[in-house]
Amino acid sequence: DVLEKMEERHILREDAVRVVRHAEASGDTFLNR
């Protein structure tokens, strides 16, 4: 269901994976309390 929403927004799976892996490698994230 999340992937379907991403498709509607023209976000590829590889785009999301790249963001997550960059965040995990750099540690630069925001936390939702």
PDB file of all heavy atoms in Angstrom:
ATOM      1  N   ASP A   1       0.824  -1.207   0.000  1.00  0.00           N
ATOM      2  CA  ASP A   1       0.000   0.000   0.000  1.00  0.00           C
ATOM      3  C   ASP A   1       0.863   1.264   0.000  1.00  0.00           C
ATOM      4  O   ASP A   1       0.511   2.275  -0.617  1.00  0.00           O
ATOM      5  CB  ASP A   1      -0.955  -0.003   1.191  1.00  0.00           C
ATOM      6  CG  ASP A   1      -0.225  -0.055   2.523  1.00  0.00           C
ATOM      7  OD1 ASP A   1       0.831  -0.714   2.605  1.00  0.00           O
ATOM      8  OD2 ASP A   1      -0.715   0.562   3.495  1.00  0.00           O
ATOM      9  N   VAL A   2       2.008   1.211   0.680  1.00  0.00           N
ATOM     10  CA  VAL A   2       2.922   2.351   0.681  1.00  0.00           C
ATOM     11  C   VAL A   2       3.558   2.513  -0.698  1.00  0.00           C
ATOM     12  O   VAL A   2       3.685   3.630  -1.215  1.00  0.00           O
ATOM     13  CB  VAL A   2       4.019   2.171   1.754  1.00  0.00           C
ATOM     14  CG1 VAL A   2       5.021   3.322   1.695  1.00  0.00           C
ATOM     15  CG2 VAL A   2       3.393   2.095   3.138  1.00  0.00           C
ATOM     16  N   LEU A   3       3.934   1.386  -1.324  1.00  0.00           N
ATOM     17  CA  LEU A   3       4.524   1.433  -2.653  1.00  0.00           C
ATOM     18  C   LEU A   3       3.532   2.000  -3.663  1.00  0.00           C
ATOM     19  O   LEU A   3       3.904   2.770  -4.560  1.00  0.00           O
ATOM     20  CB  LEU A   3       4.975   0.034  -3.075  1.00  0.00           C
ATOM     21  CG  LEU A   3       5.779  -0.059  -4.387  1.00  0.00           C
ATOM     22  CD1 LEU A   3       7.035   0.788  -4.306  1.00  0.00           C
ATOM     23  CD2 LEU A   3       6.128  -1.509  -4.694  1.00  0.00           C
ATOM     24  N   GLU A   4       2.263   1.642  -3.512  1.00  0.00           N
ATOM     25  CA  GLU A   4       1.229   2.162  -4.408  1.00  0.00           C
ATOM     26  C   GLU A   4       1.113   3.678  -4.267  1.00  0.00           C
ATOM     27  O   GLU A   4       0.975   4.405  -5.260  1.00  0.00           O
ATOM     28  CB  GLU A   4      -0.108   1.486  -4.098  1.00  0.00           C
ATOM     29  CG  GLU A   4      -1.216   1.856  -5.064  1.00  0.00           C
ATOM     30  CD  GLU A   4      -2.476   1.049  -4.833  1.00  0.00           C
ATOM     31  OE1 GLU A   4      -2.380  -0.066  -4.261  1.00  0.00           O
ATOM     32  OE2 GLU A   4      -3.551   1.518  -5.224  1.00  0.00           O
ATOM     33  N   LYS A   5       1.168   4.169  -3.029  1.00  0.00           N
ATOM     34  CA  LYS A   5       1.114   5.607  -2.791  1.00  0.00           C
ATOM     35  C   LYS A   5       2.343   6.293  -3.397  1.00  0.00           C
ATOM     36  O   LYS A   5       2.247   7.375  -3.979  1.00  0.00           O
ATOM     37  CB  LYS A   5       1.062   5.881  -1.289  1.00  0.00           C
ATOM     38  CG  LYS A   5       0.857   7.347  -0.923  1.00  0.00           C
ATOM     39  CD  LYS A   5       0.999   7.565   0.576  1.00  0.00           C
ATOM     40  CE  LYS A   5      -0.014   6.767   1.362  1.00  0.00           C
ATOM     41  NZ  LYS A   5       0.097   7.049   2.817  1.00  0.00           N
ATOM     42  N   MET A   6       3.494   5.650  -3.277  1.00  0.00           N
ATOM     43  CA  MET A   6       4.718   6.201  -3.859  1.00  0.00           C
ATOM     44  C   MET A   6       4.609   6.290  -5.374  1.00  0.00           C
ATOM     45  O   MET A   6       5.058   7.270  -5.990  1.00  0.00           O
ATOM     46  CB  MET A   6       5.920   5.333  -3.465  1.00  0.00           C
ATOM     47  CG  MET A   6       6.336   5.474  -2.011  1.00  0.00           C
ATOM     48  SD  MET A   6       7.499   4.166  -1.479  1.00  0.00           S
ATOM     49  CE  MET A   6       8.711   4.198  -2.802  1.00  0.00           C
ATOM     50  N   GLU A   7       4.021   5.270  -5.998  1.00  0.00           N
ATOM     51  CA  GLU A   7       3.858   5.274  -7.451  1.00  0.00           C
ATOM     52  C   GLU A   7       3.027   6.472  -7.886  1.00  0.00           C
ATOM     53  O   GLU A   7       3.328   7.122  -8.893  1.00  0.00           O
ATOM     54  CB  GLU A   7       3.190   3.971  -7.904  1.00  0.00           C
ATOM     55  CG  GLU A   7       4.021   2.721  -7.674  1.00  0.00           C
ATOM     56  CD  GLU A   7       5.036   2.475  -8.779  1.00  0.00           C
ATOM     57  OE1 GLU A   7       4.898   3.076  -9.848  1.00  0.00           O
ATOM     58  OE2 GLU A   7       5.979   1.699  -8.560  1.00  0.00           O
ATOM     59  N   GLU A   8       1.963   6.773  -7.139  1.00  0.00           N
ATOM     60  CA  GLU A   8       1.111   7.908  -7.472  1.00  0.00           C
ATOM     61  C   GLU A   8       1.890   9.216  -7.398  1.00  0.00           C
ATOM     62  O   GLU A   8       1.590  10.171  -8.118  1.00  0.00           O
ATOM     63  CB  GLU A   8      -0.081   7.965  -6.516  1.00  0.00           C
ATOM     64  CG  GLU A   8      -1.056   6.808  -6.667  1.00  0.00           C
ATOM     65  CD  GLU A   8      -2.142   6.822  -5.605  1.00  0.00           C
ATOM     66  OE1 GLU A   8      -2.100   7.729  -4.728  1.00  0.00           O
ATOM     67  OE2 GLU A   8      -3.038   5.955  -5.653  1.00  0.00           O
ATOM     68  N   ARG A   9       2.900   9.247  -6.546  1.00  0.00           N
ATOM     69  CA  ARG A   9       3.716  10.453  -6.379  1.00  0.00           C
ATOM     70  C   ARG A   9       4.981  10.416  -7.228  1.00  0.00           C
ATOM     71  O   ARG A   9       5.851  11.263  -7.084  1.00  0.00           O
ATOM     72  CB  ARG A   9       4.093  10.605  -4.900  1.00  0.00           C
ATOM     73  CG  ARG A   9       2.875  10.783  -4.000  1.00  0.00           C
ATOM     74  CD  ARG A   9       3.234  10.699  -2.526  1.00  0.00           C
ATOM     75  NE  ARG A   9       2.048  10.902  -1.690  1.00  0.00           N
ATOM     76  CZ  ARG A   9       2.024  10.752  -0.367  1.00  0.00           C
ATOM     77  NH1 ARG A   9       3.132  10.392   0.275  1.00  0.00           N
ATOM     78  NH2 ARG A   9       0.913  10.958   0.309  1.00  0.00           N
ATOM     79  N   HIS A  10       5.074   9.418  -8.110  1.00  0.00           N
ATOM     80  CA  HIS A  10       6.219   9.252  -9.004  1.00  0.00           C
ATOM     81  C   HIS A  10       7.525   9.100  -8.231  1.00  0.00           C
ATOM     82  O   HIS A  10       8.553   9.697  -8.570  1.00  0.00           O
ATOM     83  CB  HIS A  10       6.307  10.427  -9.983  1.00  0.00           C
ATOM     84  CG  HIS A  10       5.149  10.523 -10.914  1.00  0.00           C
ATOM     85  ND1 HIS A  10       4.928  11.602 -11.729  1.00  0.00           N
ATOM     86  CD2 HIS A  10       4.126   9.662 -11.157  1.00  0.00           C
ATOM     87  CE1 HIS A  10       3.826  11.412 -12.436  1.00  0.00           C
ATOM     88  NE2 HIS A  10       3.326  10.230 -12.104  1.00  0.00           N
ATOM     89  N   ILE A  11       7.470   8.267  -7.208  1.00  0.00           N
ATOM     90  CA  ILE A  11       8.657   7.929  -6.430  1.00  0.00           C
ATOM     91  C   ILE A  11       8.942   6.444  -6.640  1.00  0.00           C
ATOM     92  O   ILE A  11       8.103   5.597  -6.320  1.00  0.00           O
ATOM     93  CB  ILE A  11       8.448   8.202  -4.934  1.00  0.00           C
ATOM     94  CG1 ILE A  11       8.084   9.675  -4.706  1.00  0.00           C
ATOM     95  CG2 ILE A  11       9.697   7.845  -4.135  1.00  0.00           C
ATOM     96  CD1 ILE A  11       7.704   9.992  -3.272  1.00  0.00           C
ATOM     97  N   LEU A  12      10.085   6.125  -7.185  1.00  0.00           N
ATOM     98  CA  LEU A  12      10.441   4.734  -7.415  1.00  0.00           C
ATOM     99  C   LEU A  12      10.904   4.081  -6.124  1.00  0.00           C
ATOM    100  O   LEU A  12      11.370   4.750  -5.196  1.00  0.00           O
ATOM    101  CB  LEU A  12      11.558   4.639  -8.452  1.00  0.00           C
ATOM    102  CG  LEU A  12      11.256   5.201  -9.842  1.00  0.00           C
ATOM    103  CD1 LEU A  12      12.491   5.107 -10.717  1.00  0.00           C
ATOM    104  CD2 LEU A  12      10.089   4.472 -10.481  1.00  0.00           C
ATOM    105  N   ARG A  13      10.802   2.766  -6.084  1.00  0.00           N
ATOM    106  CA  ARG A  13      11.270   2.036  -4.910  1.00  0.00           C
ATOM    107  C   ARG A  13      12.749   2.321  -4.666  1.00  0.00           C
ATOM    108  O   ARG A  13      13.168   2.516  -3.525  1.00  0.00           O
ATOM    109  CB  ARG A  13      11.055   0.532  -5.105  1.00  0.00           C
ATOM    110  CG  ARG A  13      11.399  -0.289  -3.868  1.00  0.00           C
ATOM    111  CD  ARG A  13      11.303  -1.783  -4.093  1.00  0.00           C
ATOM    112  NE  ARG A  13      11.451  -2.490  -2.827  1.00  0.00           N
ATOM    113  CZ  ARG A  13      12.615  -2.708  -2.226  1.00  0.00           C
ATOM    114  NH1 ARG A  13      13.735  -2.257  -2.784  1.00  0.00           N
ATOM    115  NH2 ARG A  13      12.672  -3.350  -1.077  1.00  0.00           N
ATOM    116  N   GLU A  14      13.518   2.374  -5.744  1.00  0.00           N
ATOM    117  CA  GLU A  14      14.957   2.602  -5.594  1.00  0.00           C
ATOM    118  C   GLU A  14      15.249   3.991  -5.017  1.00  0.00           C
ATOM    119  O   GLU A  14      16.265   4.193  -4.352  1.00  0.00           O
ATOM    120  CB  GLU A  14      15.668   2.430  -6.931  1.00  0.00           C
ATOM    121  CG  GLU A  14      15.262   3.428  -8.000  1.00  0.00           C
ATOM    122  CD  GLU A  14      15.821   3.076  -9.364  1.00  0.00           C
ATOM    123  OE1 GLU A  14      15.514   1.992  -9.877  1.00  0.00           O
ATOM    124  OE2 GLU A  14      16.570   3.910  -9.904  1.00  0.00           O
ATOM    125  N   ASP A  15      14.357   4.955  -5.274  1.00  0.00           N
ATOM    126  CA  ASP A  15      14.535   6.287  -4.700  1.00  0.00           C
ATOM    127  C   ASP A  15      14.421   6.244  -3.177  1.00  0.00           C
ATOM    128  O   ASP A  15      15.248   6.817  -2.460  1.00  0.00           O
ATOM    129  CB  ASP A  15      13.486   7.255  -5.259  1.00  0.00           C
ATOM    130  CG  ASP A  15      13.618   7.478  -6.751  1.00  0.00           C
ATOM    131  OD1 ASP A  15      14.762   7.445  -7.252  1.00  0.00           O
ATOM    132  OD2 ASP A  15      12.594   7.674  -7.419  1.00  0.00           O
ATOM    133  N   ALA A  16      13.371   5.562  -2.693  1.00  0.00           N
ATOM    134  CA  ALA A  16      13.165   5.472  -1.250  1.00  0.00           C
ATOM    135  C   ALA A  16      14.297   4.697  -0.578  1.00  0.00           C
ATOM    136  O   ALA A  16      14.773   5.084   0.500  1.00  0.00           O
ATOM    137  CB  ALA A  16      11.822   4.800  -0.957  1.00  0.00           C
ATOM    138  N   VAL A  17      14.731   3.616  -1.210  1.00  0.00           N
ATOM    139  CA  VAL A  17      15.825   2.821  -0.644  1.00  0.00           C
ATOM    140  C   VAL A  17      17.094   3.660  -0.548  1.00  0.00           C
ATOM    141  O   VAL A  17      17.824   3.610   0.454  1.00  0.00           O
ATOM    142  CB  VAL A  17      16.064   1.562  -1.502  1.00  0.00           C
ATOM    143  CG1 VAL A  17      17.341   0.850  -1.073  1.00  0.00           C
ATOM    144  CG2 VAL A  17      14.870   0.613  -1.396  1.00  0.00           C
ATOM    145  N   ARG A  18      17.341   4.462  -1.568  1.00  0.00           N
ATOM    146  CA  ARG A  18      18.540   5.297  -1.570  1.00  0.00           C
ATOM    147  C   ARG A  18      18.518   6.311  -0.422  1.00  0.00           C
ATOM    148  O   ARG A  18      19.527   6.555   0.235  1.00  0.00           O
ATOM    149  CB  ARG A  18      18.652   6.030  -2.906  1.00  0.00           C
ATOM    150  CG  ARG A  18      19.976   6.770  -3.099  1.00  0.00           C
ATOM    151  CD  ARG A  18      19.958   7.609  -4.368  1.00  0.00           C
ATOM    152  NE  ARG A  18      19.571   6.840  -5.525  1.00  0.00           N
ATOM    153  CZ  ARG A  18      19.388   7.375  -6.743  1.00  0.00           C
ATOM    154  NH1 ARG A  18      19.553   8.666  -6.913  1.00  0.00           N
ATOM    155  NH2 ARG A  18      19.037   6.613  -7.743  1.00  0.00           N
ATOM    156  N   VAL A  19      17.334   6.891  -0.168  1.00  0.00           N
ATOM    157  CA  VAL A  19      17.211   7.860   0.921  1.00  0.00           C
ATOM    158  C   VAL A  19      17.486   7.199   2.269  1.00  0.00           C
ATOM    159  O   VAL A  19      18.249   7.712   3.102  1.00  0.00           O
ATOM    160  CB  VAL A  19      15.807   8.498   0.935  1.00  0.00           C
ATOM    161  CG1 VAL A  19      15.645   9.405   2.152  1.00  0.00           C
ATOM    162  CG2 VAL A  19      15.558   9.295  -0.336  1.00  0.00           C
ATOM    163  N   VAL A  20      16.857   6.041   2.481  1.00  0.00           N
ATOM    164  CA  VAL A  20      17.004   5.347   3.759  1.00  0.00           C
ATOM    165  C   VAL A  20      18.463   4.948   3.987  1.00  0.00           C
ATOM    166  O   VAL A  20      19.021   5.145   5.081  1.00  0.00           O
ATOM    167  CB  VAL A  20      16.084   4.116   3.821  1.00  0.00           C
ATOM    168  CG1 VAL A  20      16.394   3.270   5.047  1.00  0.00           C
ATOM    169  CG2 VAL A  20      14.624   4.556   3.833  1.00  0.00           C
ATOM    170  N   ARG A  21      19.088   4.386   2.985  1.00  0.00           N
ATOM    171  CA  ARG A  21      20.471   3.930   3.158  1.00  0.00           C
ATOM    172  C   ARG A  21      21.428   5.112   3.349  1.00  0.00           C
ATOM    173  O   ARG A  21      22.399   5.016   4.088  1.00  0.00           O
ATOM    174  CB  ARG A  21      20.877   3.067   1.967  1.00  0.00           C
ATOM    175  CG  ARG A  21      20.167   1.722   1.976  1.00  0.00           C
ATOM    176  CD  ARG A  21      20.555   0.839   0.820  1.00  0.00           C
ATOM    177  NE  ARG A  21      19.930  -0.482   0.958  1.00  0.00           N
ATOM    178  CZ  ARG A  21      19.970  -1.427   0.024  1.00  0.00           C
ATOM    179  NH1 ARG A  21      20.617  -1.214  -1.109  1.00  0.00           N
ATOM    180  NH2 ARG A  21      19.383  -2.584   0.235  1.00  0.00           N
ATOM    181  N   HIS A  22      21.144   6.219   2.694  1.00  0.00           N
ATOM    182  CA  HIS A  22      21.969   7.410   2.918  1.00  0.00           C
ATOM    183  C   HIS A  22      21.804   7.909   4.347  1.00  0.00           C
ATOM    184  O   HIS A  22      22.783   8.279   5.016  1.00  0.00           O
ATOM    185  CB  HIS A  22      21.577   8.513   1.933  1.00  0.00           C
ATOM    186  CG  HIS A  22      22.287   9.815   2.162  1.00  0.00           C
ATOM    187  ND1 HIS A  22      21.767  10.812   2.953  1.00  0.00           N
ATOM    188  CD2 HIS A  22      23.490  10.261   1.723  1.00  0.00           C
ATOM    189  CE1 HIS A  22      22.611  11.831   2.989  1.00  0.00           C
ATOM    190  NE2 HIS A  22      23.656  11.514   2.247  1.00  0.00           N
ATOM    191  N   ALA A  23      20.546   7.909   4.851  1.00  0.00           N
ATOM    192  CA  ALA A  23      20.288   8.361   6.215  1.00  0.00           C
ATOM    193  C   ALA A  23      20.968   7.457   7.235  1.00  0.00           C
ATOM    194  O   ALA A  23      21.548   7.924   8.226  1.00  0.00           O
ATOM    195  CB  ALA A  23      18.785   8.406   6.466  1.00  0.00           C
ATOM    196  N   GLU A  24      20.908   6.147   6.986  1.00  0.00           N
ATOM    197  CA  GLU A  24      21.528   5.211   7.926  1.00  0.00           C
ATOM    198  C   GLU A  24      23.046   5.314   7.903  1.00  0.00           C
ATOM    199  O   GLU A  24      23.697   5.134   8.936  1.00  0.00           O
ATOM    200  CB  GLU A  24      21.086   3.787   7.591  1.00  0.00           C
ATOM    201  CG  GLU A  24      19.631   3.509   7.927  1.00  0.00           C
ATOM    202  CD  GLU A  24      19.368   3.616   9.418  1.00  0.00           C
ATOM    203  OE1 GLU A  24      19.973   2.846  10.187  1.00  0.00           O
ATOM    204  OE2 GLU A  24      18.569   4.487   9.824  1.00  0.00           O
ATOM    205  N   ALA A  25      23.588   5.615   6.740  1.00  0.00           N
ATOM    206  CA  ALA A  25      25.039   5.740   6.648  1.00  0.00           C
ATOM    207  C   ALA A  25      25.535   7.035   7.276  1.00  0.00           C
ATOM    208  O   ALA A  25      26.600   7.082   7.891  1.00  0.00           O
ATOM    209  CB  ALA A  25      25.475   5.671   5.182  1.00  0.00           C
ATOM    210  N   SER A  26      24.739   8.107   7.118  1.00  0.00           N
ATOM    211  CA  SER A  26      25.168   9.411   7.631  1.00  0.00           C
ATOM    212  C   SER A  26      24.654   9.698   9.035  1.00  0.00           C
ATOM    213  O   SER A  26      25.242  10.493   9.772  1.00  0.00           O
ATOM    214  CB  SER A  26      24.684  10.514   6.684  1.00  0.00           C
ATOM    215  OG  SER A  26      23.255  10.572   6.675  1.00  0.00           O
ATOM    216  N   GLY A  27      23.527   9.061   9.382  1.00  0.00           N
ATOM    217  CA  GLY A  27      22.913   9.326  10.678  1.00  0.00           C
ATOM    218  C   GLY A  27      22.134  10.623  10.720  1.00  0.00           C
ATOM    219  O   GLY A  27      21.648  11.034  11.787  1.00  0.00           O
ATOM    220  N   ASP A  28      21.968  11.301   9.580  1.00  0.00           N
ATOM    221  CA  ASP A  28      21.253  12.576   9.534  1.00  0.00           C
ATOM    222  C   ASP A  28      19.761  12.332   9.341  1.00  0.00           C
ATOM    223  O   ASP A  28      19.291  12.109   8.224  1.00  0.00           O
ATOM    224  CB  ASP A  28      21.791  13.439   8.394  1.00  0.00           C
ATOM    225  CG  ASP A  28      23.230  13.841   8.627  1.00  0.00           C
ATOM    226  OD1 ASP A  28      23.609  13.997   9.806  1.00  0.00           O
ATOM    227  OD2 ASP A  28      23.965  13.989   7.639  1.00  0.00           O
ATOM    228  N   THR A  29      19.021  12.361  10.425  1.00  0.00           N
ATOM    229  CA  THR A  29      17.584  12.124  10.374  1.00  0.00           C
ATOM    230  C   THR A  29      16.879  13.053  11.354  1.00  0.00           C
ATOM    231  O   THR A  29      17.494  13.691  12.210  1.00  0.00           O
ATOM    232  CB  THR A  29      17.240  10.673  10.754  1.00  0.00           C
ATOM    233  OG1 THR A  29      17.733  10.414  12.079  1.00  0.00           O
ATOM    234  CG2 THR A  29      17.841   9.675   9.781  1.00  0.00           C
ATOM    235  N   PHE A  30      15.551  13.101  11.215  1.00  0.00           N
ATOM    236  CA  PHE A  30      14.706  13.779  12.183  1.00  0.00           C
ATOM    237  C   PHE A  30      13.858  12.714  12.873  1.00  0.00           C
ATOM    238  O   PHE A  30      13.442  11.739  12.239  1.00  0.00           O
ATOM    239  CB  PHE A  30      13.790  14.797  11.489  1.00  0.00           C
ATOM    240  CG  PHE A  30      14.542  15.878  10.764  1.00  0.00           C
ATOM    241  CD1 PHE A  30      14.786  15.777   9.400  1.00  0.00           C
ATOM    242  CD2 PHE A  30      15.005  16.987  11.442  1.00  0.00           C
ATOM    243  CE1 PHE A  30      15.483  16.758   8.724  1.00  0.00           C
ATOM    244  CE2 PHE A  30      15.705  17.985  10.772  1.00  0.00           C
ATOM    245  CZ  PHE A  30      15.949  17.865   9.418  1.00  0.00           C
ATOM    246  N   LEU A  31      13.607  12.897  14.146  1.00  0.00           N
ATOM    247  CA  LEU A  31      12.855  11.922  14.924  1.00  0.00           C
ATOM    248  C   LEU A  31      11.474  12.468  15.250  1.00  0.00           C
ATOM    249  O   LEU A  31      11.324  13.581  15.746  1.00  0.00           O
ATOM    250  CB  LEU A  31      13.592  11.601  16.233  1.00  0.00           C
ATOM    251  CG  LEU A  31      12.841  10.707  17.234  1.00  0.00           C
ATOM    252  CD1 LEU A  31      12.676   9.304  16.637  1.00  0.00           C
ATOM    253  CD2 LEU A  31      13.593  10.644  18.558  1.00  0.00           C
ATOM    254  N   ASN A  32      10.448  11.669  14.949  1.00  0.00           N
ATOM    255  CA  ASN A  32       9.083  12.002  15.334  1.00  0.00           C
ATOM    256  C   ASN A  32       8.884  11.534  16.771  1.00  0.00           C
ATOM    257  O   ASN A  32       8.874  10.331  17.046  1.00  0.00           O
ATOM    258  CB  ASN A  32       8.085  11.308  14.396  1.00  0.00           C
ATOM    259  CG  ASN A  32       6.649  11.724  14.675  1.00  0.00           C
ATOM    260  OD1 ASN A  32       6.247  11.888  15.822  1.00  0.00           O
ATOM    261  ND2 ASN A  32       5.882  11.891  13.600  1.00  0.00           N
ATOM    262  N   ARG A  33       8.717  12.456  17.684  1.00  0.00           N
ATOM    263  CA  ARG A  33       8.635  12.107  19.103  1.00  0.00           C
ATOM    264  C   ARG A  33       7.375  11.321  19.433  1.00  0.00           C
ATOM    265  O   ARG A  33       7.322  10.605  20.434  1.00  0.00           O
ATOM    266  CB  ARG A  33       8.670  13.390  19.952  1.00  0.00           C
ATOM    267  CG  ARG A  33       9.980  14.163  19.822  1.00  0.00           C
ATOM    268  CD  ARG A  33      10.003  15.338  20.796  1.00  0.00           C
ATOM    269  NE  ARG A  33       8.965  16.310  20.508  1.00  0.00           N
ATOM    270  CZ  ARG A  33       9.114  17.348  19.698  1.00  0.00           C
ATOM    271  NH1 ARG A  33      10.271  17.547  19.093  1.00  0.00           N
ATOM    272  NH2 ARG A  33       8.124  18.193  19.490  1.00  0.00           N
TER     273      ARG A  33
END
